[in-house]
PDB file of N, CA and C in Angstrom:
ATOM      1  N   MET A   1     -17.083  -6.353   1.260  1.00  0.00           N
ATOM      2  CA  MET A   1     -17.209  -6.871  -0.082  1.00  0.00           C
ATOM      3  C   MET A   1     -17.752  -5.757  -0.972  1.00  0.00           C
ATOM      4  N   ILE A   2     -17.093  -5.530  -2.067  1.00  0.00           N
ATOM      5  CA  ILE A   2     -17.584  -4.568  -3.041  1.00  0.00           C
ATOM      6  C   ILE A   2     -18.266  -5.353  -4.147  1.00  0.00           C
ATOM      7  N   ALA A   3     -19.580  -5.259  -4.166  1.00  0.00           N
ATOM      8  CA  ALA A   3     -20.400  -5.916  -5.179  1.00  0.00           C
ATOM      9  C   ALA A   3     -21.127  -4.826  -5.959  1.00  0.00           C
ATOM     10  N   ARG A   4     -20.679  -4.589  -7.155  1.00  0.00           N
ATOM     11  CA  ARG A   4     -21.154  -3.466  -7.941  1.00  0.00           C
ATOM     12  C   ARG A   4     -22.664  -3.489  -8.161  1.00  0.00           C
ATOM     13  N   GLY A   5     -23.251  -4.624  -8.416  1.00  0.00           N
ATOM     14  CA  GLY A   5     -24.693  -4.701  -8.641  1.00  0.00           C
ATOM     15  C   GLY A   5     -25.484  -4.245  -7.425  1.00  0.00           C
ATOM     16  N   ASP A   6     -25.137  -4.773  -6.265  1.00  0.00           N
ATOM     17  CA  ASP A   6     -25.818  -4.384  -5.031  1.00  0.00           C
ATOM     18  C   ASP A   6     -25.588  -2.911  -4.719  1.00  0.00           C
ATOM     19  N   LEU A   7     -24.384  -2.445  -4.944  1.00  0.00           N
ATOM     20  CA  LEU A   7     -24.048  -1.056  -4.680  1.00  0.00           C
ATOM     21  C   LEU A   7     -24.851  -0.118  -5.576  1.00  0.00           C
ATOM     22  N   ALA A   8     -25.007  -0.474  -6.842  1.00  0.00           N
ATOM     23  CA  ALA A   8     -25.780   0.350  -7.782  1.00  0.00           C
ATOM     24  C   ALA A   8     -27.258   0.379  -7.406  1.00  0.00           C
ATOM     25  N   VAL A   9     -27.778  -0.733  -6.930  1.00  0.00           N
ATOM     26  CA  VAL A   9     -29.189  -0.775  -6.509  1.00  0.00           C
ATOM     27  C   VAL A   9     -29.408   0.157  -5.332  1.00  0.00           C
ATOM     28  N   GLU A  10     -28.474   0.149  -4.394  1.00  0.00           N
ATOM     29  CA  GLU A  10     -28.631   0.950  -3.180  1.00  0.00           C
ATOM     30  C   GLU A  10     -28.323   2.431  -3.390  1.00  0.00           C
ATOM     31  N   ALA A  11     -27.318   2.739  -4.205  1.00  0.00           N
ATOM     32  CA  ALA A  11     -26.869   4.129  -4.317  1.00  0.00           C
ATOM     33  C   ALA A  11     -27.082   4.743  -5.700  1.00  0.00           C
ATOM     34  N   GLY A  12     -27.417   3.939  -6.677  1.00  0.00           N
ATOM     35  CA  GLY A  12     -27.558   4.445  -8.045  1.00  0.00           C
ATOM     36  C   GLY A  12     -26.245   4.371  -8.792  1.00  0.00           C
ATOM     37  N   TYR A  13     -26.327   4.228 -10.089  1.00  0.00           N
ATOM     38  CA  TYR A  13     -25.117   4.040 -10.878  1.00  0.00           C
ATOM     39  C   TYR A  13     -24.288   5.315 -11.022  1.00  0.00           C
ATOM     40  N   HIS A  14     -24.879   6.476 -10.790  1.00  0.00           N
ATOM     41  CA  HIS A  14     -24.139   7.732 -10.933  1.00  0.00           C
ATOM     42  C   HIS A  14     -22.985   7.849  -9.936  1.00  0.00           C
ATOM     43  N   ARG A  15     -23.131   7.248  -8.772  1.00  0.00           N
ATOM     44  CA  ARG A  15     -22.101   7.358  -7.729  1.00  0.00           C
ATOM     45  C   ARG A  15     -21.302   6.070  -7.556  1.00  0.00           C
ATOM     46  N   LEU A  16     -21.510   5.120  -8.431  1.00  0.00           N
ATOM     47  CA  LEU A  16     -20.919   3.800  -8.274  1.00  0.00           C
ATOM     48  C   LEU A  16     -19.392   3.830  -8.147  1.00  0.00           C
ATOM     49  N   ALA A  17     -18.713   4.455  -9.086  1.00  0.00           N
ATOM     50  CA  ALA A  17     -17.241   4.488  -9.052  1.00  0.00           C
ATOM     51  C   ALA A  17     -16.737   5.222  -7.810  1.00  0.00           C
ATOM     52  N   GLU A  18     -17.398   6.309  -7.480  1.00  0.00           N
ATOM     53  CA  GLU A  18     -17.009   7.092  -6.297  1.00  0.00           C
ATOM     54  C   GLU A  18     -17.145   6.258  -5.024  1.00  0.00           C
ATOM     55  N   LEU A  19     -18.244   5.531  -4.898  1.00  0.00           N
ATOM     56  CA  LEU A  19     -18.458   4.721  -3.703  1.00  0.00           C
ATOM     57  C   LEU A  19     -17.496   3.544  -3.627  1.00  0.00           C
ATOM     58  N   GLN A  20     -17.176   2.940  -4.773  1.00  0.00           N
ATOM     59  CA  GLN A  20     -16.176   1.870  -4.764  1.00  0.00           C
ATOM     60  C   GLN A  20     -14.858   2.401  -4.200  1.00  0.00           C
ATOM     61  N   GLU A  21     -14.471   3.581  -4.644  1.00  0.00           N
ATOM     62  CA  GLU A  21     -13.228   4.198  -4.184  1.00  0.00           C
ATOM     63  C   GLU A  21     -13.296   4.496  -2.686  1.00  0.00           C
ATOM     64  N   GLU A  22     -14.406   5.044  -2.231  1.00  0.00           N
ATOM     65  CA  GLU A  22     -14.549   5.362  -0.806  1.00  0.00           C
ATOM     66  C   GLU A  22     -14.494   4.106   0.051  1.00  0.00           C
ATOM     67  N   ILE A  23     -15.122   3.049  -0.398  1.00  0.00           N
ATOM     68  CA  ILE A  23     -15.088   1.793   0.355  1.00  0.00           C
ATOM     69  C   ILE A  23     -13.657   1.282   0.464  1.00  0.00           C
ATOM     70  N   LEU A  24     -12.912   1.341  -0.638  1.00  0.00           N
ATOM     71  CA  LEU A  24     -11.508   0.914  -0.600  1.00  0.00           C
ATOM     72  C   LEU A  24     -10.710   1.749   0.398  1.00  0.00           C
ATOM     73  N   TRP A  25     -10.905   3.058   0.390  1.00  0.00           N
ATOM     74  CA  TRP A  25     -10.190   3.949   1.311  1.00  0.00           C
ATOM     75  C   TRP A  25     -10.537   3.644   2.759  1.00  0.00           C
ATOM     76  N   ILE A  26     -11.828   3.543   3.054  1.00  0.00           N
ATOM     77  CA  ILE A  26     -12.282   3.314   4.427  1.00  0.00           C
ATOM     78  C   ILE A  26     -11.770   1.977   4.944  1.00  0.00           C
ATOM     79  N   CYS A  27     -11.883   0.951   4.133  1.00  0.00           N
ATOM     80  CA  CYS A  27     -11.435  -0.373   4.564  1.00  0.00           C
ATOM     81  C   CYS A  27      -9.929  -0.411   4.787  1.00  0.00           C
ATOM     82  N   GLU A  28      -9.190   0.277   3.941  1.00  0.00           N
ATOM     83  CA  GLU A  28      -7.746   0.307   4.156  1.00  0.00           C
ATOM     84  C   GLU A  28      -7.401   1.025   5.454  1.00  0.00           C
ATOM     85  N   ALA A  29      -8.051   2.143   5.697  1.00  0.00           N
ATOM     86  CA  ALA A  29      -7.795   2.898   6.922  1.00  0.00           C
ATOM     87  C   ALA A  29      -8.128   2.074   8.163  1.00  0.00           C
ATOM     88  N   ALA A  30      -9.153   1.240   8.066  1.00  0.00           N
ATOM     89  CA  ALA A  30      -9.584   0.421   9.199  1.00  0.00           C
ATOM     90  C   ALA A  30      -8.923  -0.958   9.208  1.00  0.00           C
ATOM     91  N   HIS A  31      -8.027  -1.213   8.254  1.00  0.00           N
ATOM     92  CA  HIS A  31      -7.338  -2.507   8.133  1.00  0.00           C
ATOM     93  C   HIS A  31      -8.331  -3.654   7.970  1.00  0.00           C
ATOM     94  N   ILE A  32      -9.343  -3.423   7.148  1.00  0.00           N
ATOM     95  CA  ILE A  32     -10.349  -4.439   6.855  1.00  0.00           C
ATOM     96  C   ILE A  32     -10.110  -4.940   5.433  1.00  0.00           C
ATOM     97  N   PRO A  33      -9.947  -6.235   5.244  1.00  0.00           N
ATOM     98  CA  PRO A  33      -9.728  -6.757   3.895  1.00  0.00           C
ATOM     99  C   PRO A  33     -10.960  -6.551   3.012  1.00  0.00           C
ATOM    100  N   VAL A  34     -10.708  -6.327   1.727  1.00  0.00           N
ATOM    101  CA  VAL A  34     -11.777  -6.081   0.769  1.00  0.00           C
ATOM    102  C   VAL A  34     -11.848  -7.240  -0.216  1.00  0.00           C
ATOM    103  N   ILE A  35     -13.054  -7.707  -0.472  1.00  0.00           N
ATOM    104  CA  ILE A  35     -13.307  -8.698  -1.514  1.00  0.00           C
ATOM    105  C   ILE A  35     -13.914  -7.959  -2.698  1.00  0.00           C
ATOM    106  N   TRP A  36     -13.288  -8.047  -3.849  1.00  0.00           N
ATOM    107  CA  TRP A  36     -13.769  -7.412  -5.079  1.00  0.00           C
ATOM    108  C   TRP A  36     -14.649  -8.441  -5.775  1.00  0.00           C
ATOM    109  N   ALA A  37     -15.958  -8.233  -5.718  1.00  0.00           N
ATOM    110  CA  ALA A  37     -16.910  -9.212  -6.252  1.00  0.00           C
ATOM    111  C   ALA A  37     -17.846  -8.519  -7.232  1.00  0.00           C
ATOM    112  N   THR A  38     -17.349  -8.183  -8.393  1.00  0.00           N
ATOM    113  CA  THR A  38     -18.127  -7.396  -9.350  1.00  0.00           C
ATOM    114  C   THR A  38     -18.279  -8.113 -10.685  1.00  0.00           C
ATOM    115  N   GLN A  39     -18.546  -9.390 -10.651  1.00  0.00           N
ATOM    116  CA  GLN A  39     -18.646 -10.199 -11.870  1.00  0.00           C
ATOM    117  C   GLN A  39     -17.358 -10.089 -12.691  1.00  0.00           C
ATOM    118  N   VAL A  40     -16.247 -10.187 -11.992  1.00  0.00           N
ATOM    119  CA  VAL A  40     -14.941 -10.060 -12.621  1.00  0.00           C
ATOM    120  C   VAL A  40     -14.774 -11.168 -13.670  1.00  0.00           C
ATOM    121  N   LEU A  41     -14.426 -10.769 -14.872  1.00  0.00           N
ATOM    122  CA  LEU A  41     -14.185 -11.680 -15.994  1.00  0.00           C
ATOM    123  C   LEU A  41     -15.364 -12.623 -16.255  1.00  0.00           C
ATOM    124  N   GLU A  42     -16.562 -12.143 -16.071  1.00  0.00           N
ATOM    125  CA  GLU A  42     -17.771 -12.959 -16.216  1.00  0.00           C
ATOM    126  C   GLU A  42     -17.895 -13.567 -17.615  1.00  0.00           C
ATOM    127  N   ASN A  43     -17.703 -12.758 -18.661  1.00  0.00           N
ATOM    128  CA  ASN A  43     -17.791 -13.300 -20.029  1.00  0.00           C
ATOM    129  C   ASN A  43     -16.690 -14.313 -20.289  1.00  0.00           C
ATOM    130  N   LEU A  44     -15.494 -14.053 -19.768  1.00  0.00           N
ATOM    131  CA  LEU A  44     -14.393 -15.000 -19.943  1.00  0.00           C
ATOM    132  C   LEU A  44     -14.724 -16.333 -19.295  1.00  0.00           C
ATOM    133  N   VAL A  45     -15.261 -16.301 -18.089  1.00  0.00           N
ATOM    134  CA  VAL A  45     -15.616 -17.530 -17.380  1.00  0.00           C
ATOM    135  C   VAL A  45     -16.679 -18.324 -18.158  1.00  0.00           C
ATOM    136  N   LYS A  46     -17.638 -17.615 -18.738  1.00  0.00           N
ATOM    137  CA  LYS A  46     -18.756 -18.286 -19.418  1.00  0.00           C
ATOM    138  C   LYS A  46     -18.474 -18.634 -20.881  1.00  0.00           C
ATOM    139  N   THR A  47     -17.758 -17.746 -21.606  1.00  0.00           N
ATOM    140  CA  THR A  47     -17.599 -17.948 -23.051  1.00  0.00           C
ATOM    141  C   THR A  47     -16.160 -18.148 -23.499  1.00  0.00           C
ATOM    142  N   GLY A  48     -15.204 -17.834 -22.633  1.00  0.00           N
ATOM    143  CA  GLY A  48     -13.806 -17.958 -23.000  1.00  0.00           C
ATOM    144  C   GLY A  48     -13.216 -16.685 -23.580  1.00  0.00           C
ATOM    145  N   ILE A  49     -14.049 -15.629 -23.739  1.00  0.00           N
ATOM    146  CA  ILE A  49     -13.580 -14.368 -24.309  1.00  0.00           C
ATOM    147  C   ILE A  49     -14.029 -13.229 -23.397  1.00  0.00           C
ATOM    148  N   PRO A  50     -13.074 -12.466 -22.826  1.00  0.00           N
ATOM    149  CA  PRO A  50     -13.459 -11.360 -21.935  1.00  0.00           C
ATOM    150  C   PRO A  50     -13.831 -10.110 -22.721  1.00  0.00           C
ATOM    151  N   SER A  51     -14.627  -9.259 -22.102  1.00  0.00           N
ATOM    152  CA  SER A  51     -14.894  -7.942 -22.687  1.00  0.00           C
ATOM    153  C   SER A  51     -13.772  -6.999 -22.260  1.00  0.00           C
ATOM    154  N   ARG A  52     -13.631  -5.883 -22.948  1.00  0.00           N
ATOM    155  CA  ARG A  52     -12.614  -4.896 -22.582  1.00  0.00           C
ATOM    156  C   ARG A  52     -12.897  -4.340 -21.192  1.00  0.00           C
ATOM    157  N   ALA A  53     -14.161  -4.125 -20.879  1.00  0.00           N
ATOM    158  CA  ALA A  53     -14.526  -3.604 -19.554  1.00  0.00           C
ATOM    159  C   ALA A  53     -14.136  -4.591 -18.461  1.00  0.00           C
ATOM    160  N   GLU A  54     -14.275  -5.865 -18.732  1.00  0.00           N
ATOM    161  CA  GLU A  54     -13.898  -6.870 -17.733  1.00  0.00           C
ATOM    162  C   GLU A  54     -12.394  -6.858 -17.463  1.00  0.00           C
ATOM    163  N   ILE A  55     -11.611  -6.618 -18.476  1.00  0.00           N
ATOM    164  CA  ILE A  55     -10.157  -6.557 -18.290  1.00  0.00           C
ATOM    165  C   ILE A  55      -9.810  -5.381 -17.382  1.00  0.00           C
ATOM    166  N   THR A  56     -10.456  -4.241 -17.623  1.00  0.00           N
ATOM    167  CA  THR A  56     -10.221  -3.061 -16.784  1.00  0.00           C
ATOM    168  C   THR A  56     -10.673  -3.324 -15.352  1.00  0.00           C
ATOM    169  N   ASP A  57     -11.824  -3.949 -15.187  1.00  0.00           N
ATOM    170  CA  ASP A  57     -12.330  -4.272 -13.860  1.00  0.00           C
ATOM    171  C   ASP A  57     -11.374  -5.225 -13.143  1.00  0.00           C
ATOM    172  N   ALA A  58     -10.871  -6.205 -13.861  1.00  0.00           N
ATOM    173  CA  ALA A  58      -9.914  -7.141 -13.263  1.00  0.00           C
ATOM    174  C   ALA A  58      -8.648  -6.403 -12.837  1.00  0.00           C
ATOM    175  N   ALA A  59      -8.206  -5.444 -13.631  1.00  0.00           N
ATOM    176  CA  ALA A  59      -7.025  -4.666 -13.284  1.00  0.00           C
ATOM    177  C   ALA A  59      -7.271  -3.865 -12.009  1.00  0.00           C
ATOM    178  N   MET A  60      -8.446  -3.281 -11.868  1.00  0.00           N
ATOM    179  CA  MET A  60      -8.773  -2.510 -10.669  1.00  0.00           C
ATOM    180  C   MET A  60      -8.895  -3.407  -9.435  1.00  0.00           C
ATOM    181  N   SER A  61      -9.178  -4.673  -9.643  1.00  0.00           N
ATOM    182  CA  SER A  61      -9.325  -5.586  -8.512  1.00  0.00           C
ATOM    183  C   SER A  61      -8.015  -5.790  -7.758  1.00  0.00           C
ATOM    184  N   GLU A  62      -6.901  -5.398  -8.352  1.00  0.00           N
ATOM    185  CA  GLU A  62      -5.602  -5.538  -7.695  1.00  0.00           C
ATOM    186  C   GLU A  62      -5.561  -4.775  -6.383  1.00  0.00           C
ATOM    187  N   ARG A  63      -6.384  -3.769  -6.257  1.00  0.00           N
ATOM    188  CA  ARG A  63      -6.394  -2.944  -5.048  1.00  0.00           C
ATOM    189  C   ARG A  63      -7.071  -3.632  -3.872  1.00  0.00           C
ATOM    190  N   ALA A  64      -7.801  -4.688  -4.135  1.00  0.00           N
ATOM    191  CA  ALA A  64      -8.473  -5.435  -3.066  1.00  0.00           C
ATOM    192  C   ALA A  64      -7.573  -6.583  -2.603  1.00  0.00           C
ATOM    193  N   GLU A  65      -7.915  -7.156  -1.468  1.00  0.00           N
ATOM    194  CA  GLU A  65      -7.144  -8.278  -0.945  1.00  0.00           C
ATOM    195  C   GLU A  65      -7.576  -9.604  -1.551  1.00  0.00           C
ATOM    196  N   CYS A  66      -8.781  -9.635  -2.108  1.00  0.00           N
ATOM    197  CA  CYS A  66      -9.339 -10.880  -2.631  1.00  0.00           C
ATOM    198  C   CYS A  66     -10.249 -10.553  -3.815  1.00  0.00           C
ATOM    199  N   VAL A  67     -10.286 -11.434  -4.800  1.00  0.00           N
ATOM    200  CA  VAL A  67     -11.157 -11.262  -5.961  1.00  0.00           C
ATOM    201  C   VAL A  67     -12.039 -12.499  -6.077  1.00  0.00           C
ATOM    202  N   MET A  68     -13.323 -12.273  -6.271  1.00  0.00           N
ATOM    203  CA  MET A  68     -14.259 -13.380  -6.401  1.00  0.00           C
ATOM    204  C   MET A  68     -14.614 -13.589  -7.869  1.00  0.00           C
ATOM    205  N   LEU A  69     -14.468 -14.821  -8.332  1.00  0.00           N
ATOM    206  CA  LEU A  69     -14.886 -15.193  -9.673  1.00  0.00           C
ATOM    207  C   LEU A  69     -16.072 -16.141  -9.572  1.00  0.00           C
ATOM    208  N   ASN A  70     -16.986 -16.045 -10.520  1.00  0.00           N
ATOM    209  CA  ASN A  70     -18.089 -16.991 -10.578  1.00  0.00           C
ATOM    210  C   ASN A  70     -17.637 -18.230 -11.339  1.00  0.00           C
ATOM    211  N   LYS A  71     -18.348 -19.326 -11.134  1.00  0.00           N
ATOM    212  CA  LYS A  71     -17.964 -20.569 -11.803  1.00  0.00           C
ATOM    213  C   LYS A  71     -18.446 -20.568 -13.251  1.00  0.00           C
ATOM    214  N   GLY A  72     -17.787 -21.369 -14.050  1.00  0.00           N
ATOM    215  CA  GLY A  72     -18.142 -21.504 -15.446  1.00  0.00           C
ATOM    216  C   GLY A  72     -17.171 -22.437 -16.139  1.00  0.00           C
ATOM    217  N   PRO A  73     -17.441 -22.764 -17.394  1.00  0.00           N
ATOM    218  CA  PRO A  73     -16.601 -23.741 -18.097  1.00  0.00           C
ATOM    219  C   PRO A  73     -15.168 -23.273 -18.365  1.00  0.00           C
ATOM    220  N   TYR A  74     -14.922 -21.966 -18.292  1.00  0.00           N
ATOM    221  CA  TYR A  74     -13.584 -21.448 -18.571  1.00  0.00           C
ATOM    222  C   TYR A  74     -12.941 -20.858 -17.318  1.00  0.00           C
ATOM    223  N   ILE A  75     -13.271 -21.410 -16.159  1.00  0.00           N
ATOM    224  CA  ILE A  75     -12.788 -20.853 -14.894  1.00  0.00           C
ATOM    225  C   ILE A  75     -11.265 -20.943 -14.784  1.00  0.00           C
ATOM    226  N   VAL A  76     -10.660 -22.011 -15.259  1.00  0.00           N
ATOM    227  CA  VAL A  76      -9.206 -22.145 -15.176  1.00  0.00           C
ATOM    228  C   VAL A  76      -8.536 -21.056 -16.012  1.00  0.00           C
ATOM    229  N   LYS A  77      -9.065 -20.813 -17.200  1.00  0.00           N
ATOM    230  CA  LYS A  77      -8.538 -19.745 -18.061  1.00  0.00           C
ATOM    231  C   LYS A  77      -8.718 -18.388 -17.384  1.00  0.00           C
ATOM    232  N   ALA A  78      -9.856 -18.194 -16.719  1.00  0.00           N
ATOM    233  CA  ALA A  78     -10.132 -16.930 -16.034  1.00  0.00           C
ATOM    234  C   ALA A  78      -9.173 -16.718 -14.867  1.00  0.00           C
ATOM    235  N   VAL A  79      -8.918 -17.744 -14.088  1.00  0.00           N
ATOM    236  CA  VAL A  79      -7.987 -17.631 -12.961  1.00  0.00           C
ATOM    237  C   VAL A  79      -6.589 -17.302 -13.470  1.00  0.00           C
ATOM    238  N   SER A  80      -6.165 -17.966 -14.519  1.00  0.00           N
ATOM    239  CA  SER A  80      -4.856 -17.704 -15.102  1.00  0.00           C
ATOM    240  C   SER A  80      -4.766 -16.272 -15.630  1.00  0.00           C
ATOM    241  N   SER A  81      -5.800 -15.829 -16.337  1.00  0.00           N
ATOM    242  CA  SER A  81      -5.821 -14.460 -16.869  1.00  0.00           C
ATOM    243  C   SER A  81      -5.818 -13.431 -15.743  1.00  0.00           C
ATOM    244  N   LEU A  82      -6.624 -13.680 -14.705  1.00  0.00           N
ATOM    245  CA  LEU A  82      -6.691 -12.760 -13.573  1.00  0.00           C
ATOM    246  C   LEU A  82      -5.333 -12.663 -12.890  1.00  0.00           C
ATOM    247  N   ALA A  83      -4.686 -13.786 -12.688  1.00  0.00           N
ATOM    248  CA  ALA A  83      -3.360 -13.776 -12.057  1.00  0.00           C
ATOM    249  C   ALA A  83      -2.373 -12.961 -12.879  1.00  0.00           C
ATOM    250  N   ASP A  84      -2.414 -13.108 -14.185  1.00  0.00           N
ATOM    251  CA  ASP A  84      -1.520 -12.352 -15.066  1.00  0.00           C
ATOM    252  C   ASP A  84      -1.824 -10.855 -14.999  1.00  0.00           C
ATOM    253  N   ILE A  85      -3.095 -10.490 -15.050  1.00  0.00           N
ATOM    254  CA  ILE A  85      -3.492  -9.078 -15.005  1.00  0.00           C
ATOM    255  C   ILE A  85      -3.083  -8.450 -13.682  1.00  0.00           C
ATOM    256  N   VAL A  86      -3.379  -9.131 -12.577  1.00  0.00           N
ATOM    257  CA  VAL A  86      -3.061  -8.593 -11.252  1.00  0.00           C
ATOM    258  C   VAL A  86      -1.552  -8.454 -11.075  1.00  0.00           C
ATOM    259  N   LYS A  87      -0.808  -9.442 -11.557  1.00  0.00           N
ATOM    260  CA  LYS A  87       0.660  -9.369 -11.444  1.00  0.00           C
ATOM    261  C   LYS A  87       1.197  -8.161 -12.203  1.00  0.00           C
ATOM    262  N   ARG A  88       0.669  -7.906 -13.387  1.00  0.00           N
ATOM    263  CA  ARG A  88       1.121  -6.764 -14.174  1.00  0.00           C
ATOM    264  C   ARG A  88       0.741  -5.440 -13.502  1.00  0.00           C
ATOM    265  N   MET A  89      -0.406  -5.396 -12.846  1.00  0.00           N
ATOM    266  CA  MET A  89      -0.897  -4.168 -12.224  1.00  0.00           C
ATOM    267  C   MET A  89      -0.209  -3.847 -10.905  1.00  0.00           C
ATOM    268  N   GLU A  90       0.401  -4.836 -10.275  1.00  0.00           N
ATOM    269  CA  GLU A  90       1.034  -4.596  -8.974  1.00  0.00           C
ATOM    270  C   GLU A  90       2.022  -3.438  -9.015  1.00  0.00           C
ATOM    271  N   GLY A  91       2.738  -3.286 -10.101  1.00  0.00           N
ATOM    272  CA  GLY A  91       3.711  -2.210 -10.209  1.00  0.00           C
ATOM    273  C   GLY A  91       3.086  -0.849 -10.462  1.00  0.00           C
ATOM    274  N   HIS A  92       1.820  -0.836 -10.842  1.00  0.00           N
ATOM    275  CA  HIS A  92       1.129   0.418 -11.164  1.00  0.00           C
ATOM    276  C   HIS A  92       0.213   0.903 -10.049  1.00  0.00           C
ATOM    277  N   GLN A  93      -0.280  -0.020  -9.245  1.00  0.00           N
ATOM    278  CA  GLN A  93      -1.231   0.319  -8.192  1.00  0.00           C
ATOM    279  C   GLN A  93      -0.512   0.388  -6.852  1.00  0.00           C
ATOM    280  N   TYR A  94      -0.799   1.422  -6.120  1.00  0.00           N
ATOM    281  CA  TYR A  94      -0.250   1.567  -4.772  1.00  0.00           C
ATOM    282  C   TYR A  94      -1.391   1.812  -3.819  1.00  0.00           C
ATOM    283  N   LYS A  95      -1.315   1.166  -2.686  1.00  0.00           N
ATOM    284  CA  LYS A  95      -2.327   1.420  -1.669  1.00  0.00           C
ATOM    285  C   LYS A  95      -2.232   2.870  -1.241  1.00  0.00           C
ATOM    286  N   LYS A  96      -3.334   3.416  -0.840  1.00  0.00           N
ATOM    287  CA  LYS A  96      -3.375   4.808  -0.399  1.00  0.00           C
ATOM    288  C   LYS A  96      -2.551   4.953   0.879  1.00  0.00           C
ATOM    289  N   ALA A  97      -1.874   6.059   1.019  1.00  0.00           N
ATOM    290  CA  ALA A  97      -1.123   6.347   2.236  1.00  0.00           C
ATOM    291  C   ALA A  97      -2.108   6.788   3.314  1.00  0.00           C
ATOM    292  N   PRO A  98      -1.911   6.381   4.552  1.00  0.00           N
ATOM    293  CA  PRO A  98      -2.811   6.811   5.616  1.00  0.00           C
ATOM    294  C   PRO A  98      -2.850   8.333   5.712  1.00  0.00           C
ATOM    295  N   GLN A  99      -4.012   8.875   5.937  1.00  0.00           N
ATOM    296  CA  GLN A  99      -4.174  10.318   6.031  1.00  0.00           C
ATOM    297  C   GLN A  99      -4.261  10.796   7.479  1.00  0.00           C
ATOM    298  N   LEU A 100      -4.413   9.867   8.405  1.00  0.00           N
ATOM    299  CA  LEU A 100      -4.517  10.233   9.812  1.00  0.00           C
ATOM    300  C   LEU A 100      -3.152  10.115  10.478  1.00  0.00           C
ATOM    301  N   ARG A 101      -2.863  11.032  11.363  1.00  0.00           N
ATOM    302  CA  ARG A 101      -1.604  10.952  12.089  1.00  0.00           C
ATOM    303  C   ARG A 101      -1.657   9.768  13.057  1.00  0.00           C
ATOM    304  N   THR A 102      -0.511   9.356  13.526  1.00  0.00           N
ATOM    305  CA  THR A 102      -0.435   8.269  14.489  1.00  0.00           C
ATOM    306  C   THR A 102      -1.085   8.708  15.792  1.00  0.00           C
ATOM    307  N   LEU A 103      -1.914   7.842  16.337  1.00  0.00           N
ATOM    308  CA  LEU A 103      -2.557   8.143  17.613  1.00  0.00           C
ATOM    309  C   LEU A 103      -1.664   7.629  18.742  1.00  0.00           C
ATOM    310  N   HIS A 104      -1.409   8.476  19.712  1.00  0.00           N
ATOM    311  CA  HIS A 104      -0.506   8.137  20.812  1.00  0.00           C
ATOM    312  C   HIS A 104      -1.268   7.981  22.129  1.00  0.00           C
ATOM    313  N   ILE A 105      -2.521   7.605  22.074  1.00  0.00           N
ATOM    314  CA  ILE A 105      -3.343   7.526  23.279  1.00  0.00           C
ATOM    315  C   ILE A 105      -2.745   6.555  24.293  1.00  0.00           C
ATOM    316  N   ALA A 106      -2.366   5.366  23.844  1.00  0.00           N
ATOM    317  CA  ALA A 106      -1.849   4.355  24.772  1.00  0.00           C
ATOM    318  C   ALA A 106      -0.516   4.790  25.372  1.00  0.00           C
ATOM    319  N   SER A 107       0.399   5.285  24.548  1.00  0.00           N
ATOM    320  CA  SER A 107       1.712   5.684  25.088  1.00  0.00           C
ATOM    321  C   SER A 107       1.579   6.897  26.006  1.00  0.00           C
ATOM    322  N   ASP A 108       0.692   7.835  25.699  1.00  0.00           N
ATOM    323  CA  ASP A 108       0.475   8.995  26.570  1.00  0.00           C
ATOM    324  C   ASP A 108      -0.094   8.545  27.922  1.00  0.00           C
ATOM    325  N   ALA A 109      -1.010   7.587  27.883  1.00  0.00           N
ATOM    326  CA  ALA A 109      -1.607   7.081  29.127  1.00  0.00           C
ATOM    327  C   ALA A 109      -0.543   6.392  29.993  1.00  0.00           C
ATOM    328  N   LEU A 110       0.350   5.629  29.347  1.00  0.00           N
ATOM    329  CA  LEU A 110       1.409   4.962  30.104  1.00  0.00           C
ATOM    330  C   LEU A 110       2.377   5.976  30.707  1.00  0.00           C
ATOM    331  N   LYS A 111       2.679   7.013  29.988  1.00  0.00           N
ATOM    332  CA  LYS A 111       3.572   8.052  30.517  1.00  0.00           C
ATOM    333  C   LYS A 111       2.945   8.718  31.746  1.00  0.00           C
ATOM    334  N   ALA A 112       1.654   9.000  31.665  1.00  0.00           N
ATOM    335  CA  ALA A 112       0.942   9.640  32.785  1.00  0.00           C
ATOM    336  C   ALA A 112       0.918   8.685  33.976  1.00  0.00           C
ATOM    337  N   PHE A 113       0.777   7.393  33.713  1.00  0.00           N
ATOM    338  CA  PHE A 113       0.733   6.400  34.783  1.00  0.00           C
ATOM    339  C   PHE A 113       2.082   6.273  35.474  1.00  0.00           C
ATOM    340  N   ASP A 114       3.175   6.368  34.695  1.00  0.00           N
ATOM    341  CA  ASP A 114       4.519   6.248  35.251  1.00  0.00           C
ATOM    342  C   ASP A 114       4.877   7.433  36.140  1.00  0.00           C
ATOM    343  N   ASN A 115       4.298   8.597  35.861  1.00  0.00           N
ATOM    344  CA  ASN A 115       4.629   9.800  36.636  1.00  0.00           C
ATOM    345  C   ASN A 115       3.884   9.807  37.899  1.00  0.00           C
TER     346      ASN A 115
END
């Protein structure tokens, strides 16, 4: 789970964006799903009007497998807006390509066993 508030407390705000990116990379490499829980569309959920920063944050959430929204009187509007933003971003965001070569440990072991 990427929770920006907790991450900033632990690592400081200077490295926040860098650490979010590293967590996404590591989790993808390990095939671990990521929950983007950074008060996504918080103002929209509470007041019905999102901030510009929230729109950008929602767009970046497309890279995660799941997005967490907090409850509020405008939650239906927030879910609809998030779905629209994520759908539009799908064509722009691509998961990182694996950087490690394929490991052949199992197939090499079977070949040695067959000989």
